[in-house]
Structures are given as C-alpha cells and as structure tokens.
C-alpha cells in the first residue's frame, strides 16, 4: 500500500521486524560515531510511516522517532531514554482529548 514510501535511501534497508543489533552511524554523535540499534518498530499511518528506534551510544540509550510522509519528506526527533516516561505521559494526555 505504501511501499513507495520506502524509496527513501535512509529507510530502504530498514526491516519491518523487531531488532536489528548492528552498529549504525548515529547522527547524534556527529564525528562518525556509532550507536547500536536495540529495537525497531515501524508504524504505518494513513498518510505517513513512523519509525521508532531505541539506540545506545557511549552517551547512553536514546529514542529516535522518524516520520516519512507519502510525499517523501522526512522529520526526526530524538530524546534521551530517561525521558521516555514523560513522553508517554504527554502522548496519553493528548490522547485523552481525542
């Protein structure tokens, strides 16, 4: 249905399954550092595909959330693993108004 969304080179090799425990370049480290991907979850929405990745670098664990729209535009946010409870709480609060 949205297979054309995966044409973006940054997501072409991302599997639909759970864990891919191989080192991948981390944008958060800049100077060619690496972060290991610990968990990967892909969510397909109506107009967008979301990628939730738990990664670990020498600075600790972090979550990377990427969005790929049908038009091919990509957005990414990252936050420290220790902040996940606050992020989930914020999403639950937003959900209560839907």
N, C-alpha and C. Protein backbone atom coordinates (compact mmCIF):
# COMPACT_ATOMS: atom_id res chain seq x y z
N UNK A 1 0.82 -1.19 0.00
CA UNK A 1 0.00 0.00 0.00
C UNK A 1 0.86 1.25 0.00
N UNK A 2 1.84 1.31 0.92
CA UNK A 2 2.71 2.47 0.99
C UNK A 2 4.15 2.09 0.67
N UNK A 3 4.37 1.05 -0.11
CA UNK A 3 5.72 0.59 -0.40
C UNK A 3 6.56 1.67 -1.07
N UNK A 4 5.92 2.59 -1.81
CA UNK A 4 6.69 3.66 -2.43
C UNK A 4 7.29 4.59 -1.40
N UNK A 5 6.77 4.59 -0.16
CA UNK A 5 7.35 5.40 0.92
C UNK A 5 8.76 4.95 1.24
N UNK A 6 9.07 3.69 1.01
CA UNK A 6 10.37 3.17 1.39
C UNK A 6 11.45 3.45 0.36
N UNK A 7 11.12 4.22 -0.66
CA UNK A 7 12.10 4.53 -1.69
C UNK A 7 13.21 5.41 -1.15
N UNK A 8 12.97 6.14 -0.09
CA UNK A 8 13.98 7.00 0.52
C UNK A 8 15.15 6.13 0.96
N UNK A 9 16.36 6.46 0.50
CA UNK A 9 17.55 5.65 0.79
C UNK A 9 17.79 5.47 2.28
N UNK A 10 17.37 6.43 3.11
CA UNK A 10 17.62 6.32 4.54
C UNK A 10 16.79 5.23 5.19
N UNK A 11 15.70 4.81 4.55
CA UNK A 11 14.84 3.81 5.15
C UNK A 11 14.71 2.55 4.29
N UNK A 12 15.37 2.50 3.17
CA UNK A 12 15.21 1.38 2.24
C UNK A 12 15.63 0.05 2.85
N UNK A 13 16.63 0.06 3.73
CA UNK A 13 17.12 -1.19 4.29
C UNK A 13 16.60 -1.46 5.69
N UNK A 14 15.62 -0.69 6.16
CA UNK A 14 15.07 -0.90 7.49
C UNK A 14 14.00 -1.98 7.41
N UNK A 15 14.19 -3.09 8.11
CA UNK A 15 13.21 -4.17 8.04
C UNK A 15 11.95 -3.84 8.84
N UNK A 16 10.88 -4.55 8.54
CA UNK A 16 9.62 -4.37 9.24
C UNK A 16 9.61 -5.09 10.58
N UNK A 17 10.62 -5.87 10.88
CA UNK A 17 10.63 -6.69 12.08
C UNK A 17 11.32 -5.98 13.22
N UNK A 18 11.43 -6.68 14.34
CA UNK A 18 11.87 -6.10 15.60
C UNK A 18 13.31 -5.61 15.63
N UNK A 19 14.21 -6.41 16.13
CA UNK A 19 15.55 -5.97 16.48
C UNK A 19 16.55 -6.15 15.36
N UNK A 20 17.38 -5.15 15.18
CA UNK A 20 18.49 -5.22 14.24
C UNK A 20 19.73 -4.79 15.02
N UNK A 21 20.42 -5.71 15.70
CA UNK A 21 21.51 -5.34 16.60
C UNK A 21 22.85 -5.13 15.91
N UNK A 22 22.89 -4.26 14.92
CA UNK A 22 24.15 -3.95 14.26
C UNK A 22 24.46 -2.48 14.47
N UNK A 23 25.74 -2.13 14.57
CA UNK A 23 26.08 -0.72 14.72
C UNK A 23 25.67 0.06 13.48
N UNK A 24 25.05 1.21 13.70
CA UNK A 24 24.67 2.08 12.60
C UNK A 24 25.18 3.48 12.90
N UNK A 25 25.55 4.26 11.88
CA UNK A 25 26.01 5.62 12.14
C UNK A 25 24.95 6.41 12.86
N UNK A 26 25.37 7.18 13.82
CA UNK A 26 24.43 7.98 14.62
C UNK A 26 24.58 9.44 14.29
N UNK A 27 23.48 10.06 13.87
CA UNK A 27 23.50 11.50 13.58
C UNK A 27 23.78 12.31 14.84
N UNK A 28 23.44 11.74 16.01
CA UNK A 28 23.58 12.50 17.25
C UNK A 28 25.03 12.62 17.70
N UNK A 29 25.92 11.80 17.14
CA UNK A 29 27.30 11.86 17.58
C UNK A 29 28.20 12.64 16.64
N UNK A 30 27.69 12.96 15.46
CA UNK A 30 28.45 13.81 14.57
C UNK A 30 29.69 13.19 13.99
N UNK A 31 30.77 13.12 14.70
CA UNK A 31 32.09 12.80 14.17
C UNK A 31 32.27 11.32 13.85
N UNK A 32 31.32 10.73 13.10
CA UNK A 32 31.48 9.36 12.68
C UNK A 32 31.29 8.34 13.77
N UNK A 33 30.69 8.73 14.91
CA UNK A 33 30.46 7.79 15.99
C UNK A 33 29.39 6.79 15.62
N UNK A 34 29.22 5.78 16.45
CA UNK A 34 28.24 4.74 16.17
C UNK A 34 27.31 4.58 17.35
N UNK A 35 26.10 4.18 17.02
CA UNK A 35 25.10 3.82 18.01
C UNK A 35 24.56 2.46 17.60
N UNK A 36 24.36 1.60 18.56
CA UNK A 36 23.78 0.29 18.28
C UNK A 36 22.27 0.40 18.33
N UNK A 37 21.61 -0.19 17.35
CA UNK A 37 20.15 -0.20 17.35
C UNK A 37 19.69 -1.38 18.19
N UNK A 38 18.94 -1.10 19.25
CA UNK A 38 18.50 -2.14 20.16
C UNK A 38 17.11 -2.67 19.83
N UNK A 39 16.25 -1.79 19.32
CA UNK A 39 14.88 -2.18 19.00
C UNK A 39 14.36 -1.27 17.91
N UNK A 40 13.52 -1.82 17.03
CA UNK A 40 12.95 -1.05 15.92
C UNK A 40 11.48 -1.40 15.78
N UNK A 41 10.62 -0.38 15.72
CA UNK A 41 9.20 -0.60 15.49
C UNK A 41 8.76 0.34 14.38
N UNK A 42 8.00 -0.19 13.44
CA UNK A 42 7.51 0.58 12.30
C UNK A 42 5.99 0.68 12.40
N UNK A 43 5.45 1.89 12.26
CA UNK A 43 4.01 2.11 12.32
C UNK A 43 3.58 2.81 11.04
N UNK A 44 2.65 2.19 10.33
CA UNK A 44 2.13 2.81 9.11
C UNK A 44 0.80 3.49 9.43
N UNK A 45 0.75 4.80 9.20
CA UNK A 45 -0.48 5.55 9.36
C UNK A 45 -1.14 5.75 8.01
N UNK A 46 -2.17 6.56 7.96
CA UNK A 46 -2.87 6.81 6.70
C UNK A 46 -1.98 7.50 5.68
N UNK A 47 -1.30 8.54 6.10
CA UNK A 47 -0.51 9.35 5.18
C UNK A 47 0.99 9.28 5.44
N UNK A 48 1.40 8.62 6.53
CA UNK A 48 2.80 8.65 6.92
C UNK A 48 3.23 7.30 7.48
N UNK A 49 4.53 7.09 7.47
CA UNK A 49 5.12 5.92 8.12
C UNK A 49 6.04 6.44 9.21
N UNK A 50 5.93 5.84 10.40
CA UNK A 50 6.74 6.25 11.54
C UNK A 50 7.69 5.13 11.91
N UNK A 51 8.91 5.50 12.27
CA UNK A 51 9.94 4.55 12.69
C UNK A 51 10.36 4.93 14.10
N UNK A 52 10.21 4.01 15.04
CA UNK A 52 10.61 4.22 16.42
C UNK A 52 11.82 3.33 16.67
N UNK A 53 12.94 3.94 17.01
CA UNK A 53 14.19 3.20 17.22
C UNK A 53 14.74 3.49 18.60
N UNK A 54 15.08 2.42 19.32
CA UNK A 54 15.81 2.55 20.57
C UNK A 54 17.26 2.26 20.23
N UNK A 55 18.12 3.21 20.54
CA UNK A 55 19.54 3.07 20.22
C UNK A 55 20.37 3.31 21.47
N UNK A 56 21.62 2.89 21.40
CA UNK A 56 22.55 3.10 22.50
C UNK A 56 23.89 3.54 21.96
N UNK A 57 24.41 4.61 22.53
CA UNK A 57 25.74 5.11 22.17
C UNK A 57 26.57 5.19 23.44
N UNK A 58 27.76 5.73 23.32
CA UNK A 58 28.60 5.87 24.51
C UNK A 58 27.99 6.85 25.52
N UNK A 59 27.02 7.65 25.10
CA UNK A 59 26.32 8.60 25.99
C UNK A 59 25.10 7.97 26.65
N UNK A 60 24.74 6.74 26.31
CA UNK A 60 23.58 6.08 26.89
C UNK A 60 22.53 5.77 25.84
N UNK A 61 21.36 5.36 26.31
CA UNK A 61 20.27 4.99 25.41
C UNK A 61 19.47 6.24 25.01
N UNK A 62 18.95 6.19 23.78
CA UNK A 62 18.10 7.27 23.30
C UNK A 62 17.08 6.72 22.33
N UNK A 63 16.00 7.47 22.16
CA UNK A 63 14.93 7.09 21.26
C UNK A 63 14.95 8.04 20.06
N UNK A 64 14.84 7.47 18.89
CA UNK A 64 14.79 8.25 17.66
C UNK A 64 13.45 7.95 16.99
N UNK A 65 12.67 8.99 16.73
CA UNK A 65 11.38 8.84 16.06
C UNK A 65 11.48 9.57 14.73
N UNK A 66 11.30 8.83 13.64
CA UNK A 66 11.36 9.41 12.30
C UNK A 66 10.01 9.25 11.63
N UNK A 67 9.67 10.23 10.82
CA UNK A 67 8.41 10.21 10.08
C UNK A 67 8.73 10.39 8.61
N UNK A 68 8.13 9.57 7.78
CA UNK A 68 8.29 9.68 6.34
C UNK A 68 6.90 9.83 5.75
N UNK A 69 6.65 10.99 5.11
CA UNK A 69 5.34 11.23 4.52
C UNK A 69 5.27 10.60 3.14
N UNK A 70 4.06 10.47 2.61
CA UNK A 70 3.90 9.90 1.28
C UNK A 70 4.62 10.75 0.24
N UNK A 71 4.75 12.03 0.50
CA UNK A 71 5.46 12.91 -0.42
C UNK A 71 6.97 12.78 -0.32
N UNK A 72 7.46 11.95 0.60
CA UNK A 72 8.89 11.72 0.72
C UNK A 72 9.62 12.62 1.69
N UNK A 73 8.89 13.52 2.36
CA UNK A 73 9.55 14.39 3.34
C UNK A 73 9.77 13.62 4.63
N UNK A 74 10.92 13.86 5.25
CA UNK A 74 11.29 13.15 6.47
C UNK A 74 11.54 14.13 7.60
N UNK A 75 11.08 13.76 8.78
CA UNK A 75 11.31 14.52 10.01
C UNK A 75 11.78 13.55 11.08
N UNK A 76 12.67 14.01 11.95
CA UNK A 76 13.20 13.14 13.01
C UNK A 76 13.33 13.93 14.30
N UNK A 77 12.97 13.27 15.40
CA UNK A 77 13.26 13.82 16.73
C UNK A 77 13.99 12.73 17.51
N UNK A 78 14.78 13.15 18.48
CA UNK A 78 15.49 12.22 19.36
C UNK A 78 15.38 12.73 20.78
N UNK A 79 15.29 11.80 21.72
CA UNK A 79 15.29 12.18 23.13
C UNK A 79 15.95 11.07 23.94
N UNK A 80 16.48 11.45 25.09
CA UNK A 80 17.18 10.51 25.97
C UNK A 80 16.21 9.45 26.48
N UNK A 81 16.69 8.24 26.64
CA UNK A 81 15.88 7.14 27.14
C UNK A 81 15.25 7.44 28.49
N UNK A 82 15.96 8.20 29.31
CA UNK A 82 15.42 8.52 30.64
C UNK A 82 14.18 9.41 30.58
N UNK A 83 13.90 10.01 29.43
CA UNK A 83 12.74 10.89 29.28
C UNK A 83 11.52 10.18 28.71
N UNK A 84 11.60 8.87 28.48
CA UNK A 84 10.51 8.18 27.80
C UNK A 84 9.20 8.20 28.59
N UNK A 85 9.26 8.10 29.91
CA UNK A 85 8.03 8.13 30.71
C UNK A 85 7.30 9.46 30.55
N UNK A 86 8.05 10.56 30.51
CA UNK A 86 7.44 11.87 30.31
C UNK A 86 6.83 12.00 28.92
N UNK A 87 7.49 11.43 27.92
CA UNK A 87 6.97 11.48 26.55
C UNK A 87 5.68 10.66 26.45
N UNK A 88 5.67 9.48 27.03
CA UNK A 88 4.47 8.64 27.02
C UNK A 88 3.34 9.33 27.76
N UNK A 89 3.64 9.95 28.88
CA UNK A 89 2.63 10.67 29.65
C UNK A 89 2.03 11.81 28.83
N UNK A 90 2.87 12.53 28.10
CA UNK A 90 2.38 13.63 27.26
C UNK A 90 1.47 13.11 26.15
N UNK A 91 1.84 11.98 25.54
CA UNK A 91 1.01 11.39 24.50
C UNK A 91 -0.33 10.91 25.06
N UNK A 92 -0.30 10.33 26.27
CA UNK A 92 -1.54 9.87 26.89
C UNK A 92 -2.45 11.05 27.23
N UNK A 93 -1.86 12.16 27.65
CA UNK A 93 -2.65 13.36 27.94
C UNK A 93 -3.31 13.89 26.66
N UNK A 94 -2.56 13.94 25.57
CA UNK A 94 -3.12 14.37 24.29
C UNK A 94 -4.23 13.42 23.86
N UNK A 95 -4.00 12.13 24.01
CA UNK A 95 -4.99 11.12 23.61
C UNK A 95 -6.30 11.30 24.38
N UNK A 96 -6.24 11.72 25.62
CA UNK A 96 -7.47 11.87 26.43
C UNK A 96 -8.38 12.96 25.87
N UNK A 97 -7.88 13.83 25.01
CA UNK A 97 -8.69 14.88 24.41
C UNK A 97 -9.25 14.49 23.05
N UNK A 98 -8.94 13.31 22.59
CA UNK A 98 -9.40 12.86 21.26
C UNK A 98 -10.76 12.19 21.34
